[in-house]
Amino acid sequence: MGTTLTRAAHWSSVEGTQGKLEYTPINEYILNEITLFINEFSIKNPNEAKSVFKKPLEWTSENLTLANFTAPNLVTK
């Protein structure tokens, strides 16, 4: 999810605000999807939701492309 925010989200370019998300439709959509996923995961998997990660999980997906993700009203560059 961190990679999604790094690559797809729109970041502020105003001096002194480096690293802040802009308020844009795509950012709102991404954050809403992450929130929905976390809420649903916690409800469906209560034991797994209690897990604490000391380091972020990382993996590569060679066959996964932007075309695999579609949604109504999704704003793309």
PDB file of N, CA and C in Angstrom:
ATOM      1  N   MET A   1       0.818  -1.192   0.000  1.00  0.00           N
ATOM      2  CA  MET A   1       0.000   0.000   0.000  1.00  0.00           C
ATOM      3  C   MET A   1       0.860   1.253   0.000  1.00  0.00           C
ATOM      4  N   GLY A   2       1.999   1.161   0.647  1.00  0.00           N
ATOM      5  CA  GLY A   2       2.905   2.300   0.645  1.00  0.00           C
ATOM      6  C   GLY A   2       3.419   2.595  -0.742  1.00  0.00           C
ATOM      7  N   THR A   3       3.666   1.540  -1.525  1.00  0.00           N
ATOM      8  CA  THR A   3       4.122   1.737  -2.899  1.00  0.00           C
ATOM      9  C   THR A   3       3.021   2.378  -3.726  1.00  0.00           C
ATOM     10  N   THR A   4       1.779   1.988  -3.472  1.00  0.00           N
ATOM     11  CA  THR A   4       0.659   2.602  -4.181  1.00  0.00           C
ATOM     12  C   THR A   4       0.627   4.093  -3.915  1.00  0.00           C
ATOM     13  N   LEU A   5       0.780   4.476  -2.661  1.00  0.00           N
ATOM     14  CA  LEU A   5       0.767   5.904  -2.335  1.00  0.00           C
ATOM     15  C   LEU A   5       1.961   6.618  -2.948  1.00  0.00           C
ATOM     16  N   THR A   6       3.108   5.963  -2.980  1.00  0.00           N
ATOM     17  CA  THR A   6       4.301   6.587  -3.551  1.00  0.00           C
ATOM     18  C   THR A   6       4.160   6.798  -5.047  1.00  0.00           C
ATOM     19  N   ARG A   7       3.627   5.821  -5.749  1.00  0.00           N
ATOM     20  CA  ARG A   7       3.577   5.878  -7.218  1.00  0.00           C
ATOM     21  C   ARG A   7       2.325   6.532  -7.777  1.00  0.00           C
ATOM     22  N   ALA A   8       1.164   6.244  -7.195  1.00  0.00           N
ATOM     23  CA  ALA A   8      -0.094   6.685  -7.802  1.00  0.00           C
ATOM     24  C   ALA A   8      -0.658   7.966  -7.205  1.00  0.00           C
ATOM     25  N   ALA A   9      -0.348   8.227  -5.966  1.00  0.00           N
ATOM     26  CA  ALA A   9      -0.935   9.391  -5.303  1.00  0.00           C
ATOM     27  C   ALA A   9      -0.317  10.682  -5.810  1.00  0.00           C
ATOM     28  N   HIS A  10      -1.056  11.752  -5.653  1.00  0.00           N
ATOM     29  CA  HIS A  10      -0.577  13.080  -6.034  1.00  0.00           C
ATOM     30  C   HIS A  10      -0.040  13.768  -4.788  1.00  0.00           C
ATOM     31  N   TRP A  11       1.232  14.119  -4.815  1.00  0.00           N
ATOM     32  CA  TRP A  11       1.893  14.738  -3.672  1.00  0.00           C
ATOM     33  C   TRP A  11       2.010  16.236  -3.888  1.00  0.00           C
ATOM     34  N   SER A  12       2.006  16.973  -2.810  1.00  0.00           N
ATOM     35  CA  SER A  12       2.113  18.426  -2.864  1.00  0.00           C
ATOM     36  C   SER A  12       3.475  18.843  -3.396  1.00  0.00           C
ATOM     37  N   SER A  13       3.489  19.870  -4.236  1.00  0.00           N
ATOM     38  CA  SER A  13       4.748  20.377  -4.772  1.00  0.00           C
ATOM     39  C   SER A  13       5.064  21.771  -4.219  1.00  0.00           C
ATOM     40  N   VAL A  14       4.268  22.227  -3.268  1.00  0.00           N
ATOM     41  CA  VAL A  14       4.483  23.543  -2.670  1.00  0.00           C
ATOM     42  C   VAL A  14       5.687  23.460  -1.732  1.00  0.00           C
ATOM     43  N   GLU A  15       6.553  24.464  -1.810  1.00  0.00           N
ATOM     44  CA  GLU A  15       7.746  24.470  -0.971  1.00  0.00           C
ATOM     45  C   GLU A  15       7.359  24.447   0.507  1.00  0.00           C
ATOM     46  N   GLY A  16       8.043  23.606   1.253  1.00  0.00           N
ATOM     47  CA  GLY A  16       7.765  23.495   2.675  1.00  0.00           C
ATOM     48  C   GLY A  16       6.696  22.468   3.014  1.00  0.00           C
ATOM     49  N   THR A  17       6.073  21.842   2.005  1.00  0.00           N
ATOM     50  CA  THR A  17       5.041  20.832   2.254  1.00  0.00           C
ATOM     51  C   THR A  17       5.415  19.498   1.640  1.00  0.00           C
ATOM     52  N   GLN A  18       6.695  19.248   1.487  1.00  0.00           N
ATOM     53  CA  GLN A  18       7.152  18.004   0.868  1.00  0.00           C
ATOM     54  C   GLN A  18       6.630  16.812   1.659  1.00  0.00           C
ATOM     55  N   GLY A  19       6.116  15.813   0.944  1.00  0.00           N
ATOM     56  CA  GLY A  19       5.646  14.610   1.588  1.00  0.00           C
ATOM     57  C   GLY A  19       4.205  14.655   2.044  1.00  0.00           C
ATOM     58  N   LYS A  20       3.453  15.673   1.652  1.00  0.00           N
ATOM     59  CA  LYS A  20       2.047  15.763   2.029  1.00  0.00           C
ATOM     60  C   LYS A  20       1.175  15.439   0.821  1.00  0.00           C
ATOM     61  N   LEU A  21       0.114  14.679   1.072  1.00  0.00           N
ATOM     62  CA  LEU A  21      -0.820  14.345   0.005  1.00  0.00           C
ATOM     63  C   LEU A  21      -1.671  15.557  -0.342  1.00  0.00           C
ATOM     64  N   GLU A  22      -1.875  15.756  -1.633  1.00  0.00           N
ATOM     65  CA  GLU A  22      -2.810  16.797  -2.071  1.00  0.00           C
ATOM     66  C   GLU A  22      -4.224  16.265  -1.911  1.00  0.00           C
ATOM     67  N   TYR A  23      -5.180  17.160  -1.785  1.00  0.00           N
ATOM     68  CA  TYR A  23      -6.582  16.754  -1.737  1.00  0.00           C
ATOM     69  C   TYR A  23      -7.086  16.676  -3.174  1.00  0.00           C
ATOM     70  N   THR A  24      -7.027  15.465  -3.733  1.00  0.00           N
ATOM     71  CA  THR A  24      -7.475  15.235  -5.105  1.00  0.00           C
ATOM     72  C   THR A  24      -8.409  14.027  -5.125  1.00  0.00           C
ATOM     73  N   PRO A  25      -9.222  13.886  -6.168  1.00  0.00           N
ATOM     74  CA  PRO A  25     -10.116  12.724  -6.250  1.00  0.00           C
ATOM     75  C   PRO A  25      -9.369  11.390  -6.224  1.00  0.00           C
ATOM     76  N   ILE A  26      -8.227  11.295  -6.900  1.00  0.00           N
ATOM     77  CA  ILE A  26      -7.500  10.024  -6.923  1.00  0.00           C
ATOM     78  C   ILE A  26      -6.964   9.687  -5.530  1.00  0.00           C
ATOM     79  N   ASN A  27      -6.449  10.673  -4.812  1.00  0.00           N
ATOM     80  CA  ASN A  27      -5.952  10.424  -3.457  1.00  0.00           C
ATOM     81  C   ASN A  27      -7.088  10.003  -2.529  1.00  0.00           C
ATOM     82  N   GLU A  28      -8.219  10.675  -2.650  1.00  0.00           N
ATOM     83  CA  GLU A  28      -9.369  10.322  -1.827  1.00  0.00           C
ATOM     84  C   GLU A  28      -9.806   8.890  -2.128  1.00  0.00           C
ATOM     85  N   TYR A  29      -9.822   8.528  -3.399  1.00  0.00           N
ATOM     86  CA  TYR A  29     -10.209   7.170  -3.796  1.00  0.00           C
ATOM     87  C   TYR A  29      -9.234   6.137  -3.218  1.00  0.00           C
ATOM     88  N   ILE A  30      -7.931   6.376  -3.362  1.00  0.00           N
ATOM     89  CA  ILE A  30      -6.922   5.437  -2.864  1.00  0.00           C
ATOM     90  C   ILE A  30      -7.063   5.253  -1.356  1.00  0.00           C
ATOM     91  N   LEU A  31      -7.173   6.350  -0.622  1.00  0.00           N
ATOM     92  CA  LEU A  31      -7.277   6.263   0.836  1.00  0.00           C
ATOM     93  C   LEU A  31      -8.578   5.586   1.275  1.00  0.00           C
ATOM     94  N   ASN A  32      -9.668   5.841   0.563  1.00  0.00           N
ATOM     95  CA  ASN A  32     -10.937   5.169   0.880  1.00  0.00           C
ATOM     96  C   ASN A  32     -10.826   3.668   0.646  1.00  0.00           C
ATOM     97  N   GLU A  33     -10.184   3.267  -0.452  1.00  0.00           N
ATOM     98  CA  GLU A  33     -10.014   1.842  -0.736  1.00  0.00           C
ATOM     99  C   GLU A  33      -9.152   1.162   0.322  1.00  0.00           C
ATOM    100  N   ILE A  34      -8.093   1.807   0.752  1.00  0.00           N
ATOM    101  CA  ILE A  34      -7.236   1.248   1.801  1.00  0.00           C
ATOM    102  C   ILE A  34      -8.028   1.104   3.098  1.00  0.00           C
ATOM    103  N   THR A  35      -8.804   2.132   3.441  1.00  0.00           N
ATOM    104  CA  THR A  35      -9.610   2.093   4.657  1.00  0.00           C
ATOM    105  C   THR A  35     -10.637   0.973   4.607  1.00  0.00           C
ATOM    106  N   LEU A  36     -11.324   0.823   3.479  1.00  0.00           N
ATOM    107  CA  LEU A  36     -12.310  -0.254   3.325  1.00  0.00           C
ATOM    108  C   LEU A  36     -11.656  -1.619   3.451  1.00  0.00           C
ATOM    109  N   PHE A  37     -10.488  -1.789   2.815  1.00  0.00           N
ATOM    110  CA  PHE A  37      -9.782  -3.061   2.885  1.00  0.00           C
ATOM    111  C   PHE A  37      -9.420  -3.409   4.326  1.00  0.00           C
ATOM    112  N   ILE A  38      -8.875  -2.454   5.044  1.00  0.00           N
ATOM    113  CA  ILE A  38      -8.454  -2.698   6.429  1.00  0.00           C
ATOM    114  C   ILE A  38      -9.660  -3.038   7.303  1.00  0.00           C
ATOM    115  N   ASN A  39     -10.743  -2.299   7.148  1.00  0.00           N
ATOM    116  CA  ASN A  39     -11.948  -2.573   7.940  1.00  0.00           C
ATOM    117  C   ASN A  39     -12.506  -3.957   7.646  1.00  0.00           C
ATOM    118  N   GLU A  40     -12.617  -4.309   6.363  1.00  0.00           N
ATOM    119  CA  GLU A  40     -13.147  -5.617   5.980  1.00  0.00           C
ATOM    120  C   GLU A  40     -12.221  -6.739   6.438  1.00  0.00           C
ATOM    121  N   PHE A  41     -10.923  -6.543   6.294  1.00  0.00           N
ATOM    122  CA  PHE A  41      -9.967  -7.559   6.702  1.00  0.00           C
ATOM    123  C   PHE A  41     -10.069  -7.824   8.208  1.00  0.00           C
ATOM    124  N   SER A  42     -10.177  -6.775   8.983  1.00  0.00           N
ATOM    125  CA  SER A  42     -10.264  -6.916  10.440  1.00  0.00           C
ATOM    126  C   SER A  42     -11.511  -7.680  10.860  1.00  0.00           C
ATOM    127  N   ILE A  43     -12.603  -7.448  10.167  1.00  0.00           N
ATOM    128  CA  ILE A  43     -13.860  -8.124  10.498  1.00  0.00           C
ATOM    129  C   ILE A  43     -13.800  -9.594  10.086  1.00  0.00           C
ATOM    130  N   LYS A  44     -13.301  -9.864   8.888  1.00  0.00           N
ATOM    131  CA  LYS A  44     -13.264 -11.230   8.361  1.00  0.00           C
ATOM    132  C   LYS A  44     -12.153 -12.077   8.975  1.00  0.00           C
ATOM    133  N   ASN A  45     -11.097 -11.464   9.458  1.00  0.00           N
ATOM    134  CA  ASN A  45      -9.934 -12.187   9.981  1.00  0.00           C
ATOM    135  C   ASN A  45      -9.496 -11.610  11.324  1.00  0.00           C
ATOM    136  N   PRO A  46     -10.281 -11.791  12.367  1.00  0.00           N
ATOM    137  CA  PRO A  46      -9.964 -11.146  13.641  1.00  0.00           C
ATOM    138  C   PRO A  46      -8.625 -11.586  14.243  1.00  0.00           C
ATOM    139  N   ASN A  47      -8.258 -12.851  14.097  1.00  0.00           N
ATOM    140  CA  ASN A  47      -6.981 -13.305  14.652  1.00  0.00           C
ATOM    141  C   ASN A  47      -5.801 -12.696  13.914  1.00  0.00           C
ATOM    142  N   GLU A  48      -5.864 -12.689  12.579  1.00  0.00           N
ATOM    143  CA  GLU A  48      -4.793 -12.112  11.783  1.00  0.00           C
ATOM    144  C   GLU A  48      -4.692 -10.599  11.983  1.00  0.00           C
ATOM    145  N   ALA A  49      -5.817  -9.966  12.243  1.00  0.00           N
ATOM    146  CA  ALA A  49      -5.828  -8.512  12.427  1.00  0.00           C
ATOM    147  C   ALA A  49      -5.074  -8.094  13.686  1.00  0.00           C
ATOM    148  N   LYS A  50      -4.848  -9.023  14.597  1.00  0.00           N
ATOM    149  CA  LYS A  50      -4.125  -8.719  15.825  1.00  0.00           C
ATOM    150  C   LYS A  50      -2.610  -8.750  15.625  1.00  0.00           C
ATOM    151  N   SER A  51      -2.167  -9.235  14.467  1.00  0.00           N
ATOM    152  CA  SER A  51      -0.727  -9.336  14.206  1.00  0.00           C
ATOM    153  C   SER A  51      -0.081  -7.962  14.169  1.00  0.00           C
ATOM    154  N   VAL A  52       1.122  -7.887  14.703  1.00  0.00           N
ATOM    155  CA  VAL A  52       1.883  -6.641  14.708  1.00  0.00           C
ATOM    156  C   VAL A  52       3.130  -6.862  13.860  1.00  0.00           C
ATOM    157  N   PHE A  53       3.338  -6.003  12.876  1.00  0.00           N
ATOM    158  CA  PHE A  53       4.502  -6.098  12.002  1.00  0.00           C
ATOM    159  C   PHE A  53       5.519  -5.050  12.427  1.00  0.00           C
ATOM    160  N   LYS A  54       6.734  -5.503  12.656  1.00  0.00           N
ATOM    161  CA  LYS A  54       7.794  -4.579  13.051  1.00  0.00           C
ATOM    162  C   LYS A  54       8.482  -3.972  11.839  1.00  0.00           C
ATOM    163  N   LYS A  55       8.356  -4.626  10.690  1.00  0.00           N
ATOM    164  CA  LYS A  55       8.904  -4.115   9.430  1.00  0.00           C
ATOM    165  C   LYS A  55       7.818  -4.265   8.366  1.00  0.00           C
ATOM    166  N   PRO A  56       7.795  -3.391   7.359  1.00  0.00           N
ATOM    167  CA  PRO A  56       6.775  -3.510   6.308  1.00  0.00           C
ATOM    168  C   PRO A  56       6.983  -4.765   5.472  1.00  0.00           C
ATOM    169  N   LEU A  57       5.879  -5.350   5.040  1.00  0.00           N
ATOM    170  CA  LEU A  57       5.952  -6.481   4.124  1.00  0.00           C
ATOM    171  C   LEU A  57       6.292  -5.966   2.735  1.00  0.00           C
ATOM    172  N   GLU A  58       7.129  -6.683   2.022  1.00  0.00           N
ATOM    173  CA  GLU A  58       7.489  -6.300   0.660  1.00  0.00           C
ATOM    174  C   GLU A  58       7.479  -7.524  -0.224  1.00  0.00           C
ATOM    175  N   TRP A  59       6.967  -7.361  -1.446  1.00  0.00           N
ATOM    176  CA  TRP A  59       6.991  -8.430  -2.426  1.00  0.00           C
ATOM    177  C   TRP A  59       6.875  -7.812  -3.804  1.00  0.00           C
ATOM    178  N   THR A  60       7.202  -8.600  -4.822  1.00  0.00           N
ATOM    179  CA  THR A  60       7.066  -8.121  -6.197  1.00  0.00           C
ATOM    180  C   THR A  60       5.982  -8.939  -6.894  1.00  0.00           C
ATOM    181  N   SER A  61       5.305  -8.320  -7.796  1.00  0.00           N
ATOM    182  CA  SER A  61       4.252  -8.962  -8.578  1.00  0.00           C
ATOM    183  C   SER A  61       4.555  -8.717 -10.046  1.00  0.00           C
ATOM    184  N   GLU A  62       5.188  -9.669 -10.679  1.00  0.00           N
ATOM    185  CA  GLU A  62       5.640  -9.498 -12.057  1.00  0.00           C
ATOM    186  C   GLU A  62       4.494  -9.405 -13.056  1.00  0.00           C
ATOM    187  N   ASN A  63       3.386 -10.085 -12.799  1.00  0.00           N
ATOM    188  CA  ASN A  63       2.288 -10.109 -13.759  1.00  0.00           C
ATOM    189  C   ASN A  63       1.190  -9.102 -13.452  1.00  0.00           C
ATOM    190  N   LEU A  64       1.364  -8.308 -12.437  1.00  0.00           N
ATOM    191  CA  LEU A  64       0.354  -7.347 -12.038  1.00  0.00           C
ATOM    192  C   LEU A  64       0.629  -5.998 -12.691  1.00  0.00           C
ATOM    193  N   THR A  65      -0.371  -5.461 -13.399  1.00  0.00           N
ATOM    194  CA  THR A  65      -0.221  -4.179 -14.073  1.00  0.00           C
ATOM    195  C   THR A  65      -1.381  -3.262 -13.685  1.00  0.00           C
ATOM    196  N   LEU A  66      -1.291  -2.022 -14.084  1.00  0.00           N
ATOM    197  CA  LEU A  66      -2.352  -1.058 -13.807  1.00  0.00           C
ATOM    198  C   LEU A  66      -3.684  -1.517 -14.393  1.00  0.00           C
ATOM    199  N   ALA A  67      -3.654  -2.236 -15.502  1.00  0.00           N
ATOM    200  CA  ALA A  67      -4.876  -2.707 -16.146  1.00  0.00           C
ATOM    201  C   ALA A  67      -5.660  -3.675 -15.256  1.00  0.00           C
ATOM    202  N   ASN A  68      -5.021  -4.287 -14.275  1.00  0.00           N
ATOM    203  CA  ASN A  68      -5.695  -5.198 -13.360  1.00  0.00           C
ATOM    204  C   ASN A  68      -6.603  -4.465 -12.378  1.00  0.00           C
ATOM    205  N   PHE A  69      -6.441  -3.162 -12.266  1.00  0.00           N
ATOM    206  CA  PHE A  69      -7.213  -2.372 -11.320  1.00  0.00           C
ATOM    207  C   PHE A  69      -8.157  -1.446 -12.074  1.00  0.00           C
ATOM    208  N   THR A  70      -9.428  -1.693 -11.948  1.00  0.00           N
ATOM    209  CA  THR A  70     -10.411  -0.827 -12.579  1.00  0.00           C
ATOM    210  C   THR A  70     -11.474  -0.467 -11.549  1.00  0.00           C
ATOM    211  N   ALA A  71     -12.010   0.713 -11.706  1.00  0.00           N
ATOM    212  CA  ALA A  71     -13.080   1.161 -10.813  1.00  0.00           C
ATOM    213  C   ALA A  71     -13.839   2.279 -11.514  1.00  0.00           C
ATOM    214  N   PRO A  72     -15.124   2.388 -11.219  1.00  0.00           N
ATOM    215  CA  PRO A  72     -15.877   3.495 -11.814  1.00  0.00           C
ATOM    216  C   PRO A  72     -15.348   4.838 -11.310  1.00  0.00           C
ATOM    217  N   ASN A  73     -15.310   5.788 -12.186  1.00  0.00           N
ATOM    218  CA  ASN A  73     -14.892   7.145 -11.858  1.00  0.00           C
ATOM    219  C   ASN A  73     -13.439   7.248 -11.411  1.00  0.00           C
ATOM    220  N   LEU A  74     -12.614   6.276 -11.778  1.00  0.00           N
ATOM    221  CA  LEU A  74     -11.213   6.320 -11.410  1.00  0.00           C
ATOM    222  C   LEU A  74     -10.504   7.321 -12.300  1.00  0.00           C
ATOM    223  N   VAL A  75      -9.802   8.253 -11.693  1.00  0.00           N
ATOM    224  CA  VAL A  75      -9.086   9.281 -12.426  1.00  0.00           C
ATOM    225  C   VAL A  75      -7.673   8.789 -12.680  1.00  0.00           C
ATOM    226  N   THR A  76      -7.241   8.793 -13.939  1.00  0.00           N
ATOM    227  CA  THR A  76      -5.892   8.380 -14.270  1.00  0.00           C
ATOM    228  C   THR A  76      -5.171   9.514 -14.974  1.00  0.00           C
ATOM    229  N   LYS A  77      -3.853   9.447 -14.959  1.00  0.00           N
ATOM    230  CA  LYS A  77      -3.061  10.486 -15.615  1.00  0.00           C
ATOM    231  C   LYS A  77      -3.066  10.284 -17.102  1.00  0.00           C
TER     232      LYS A  77
END
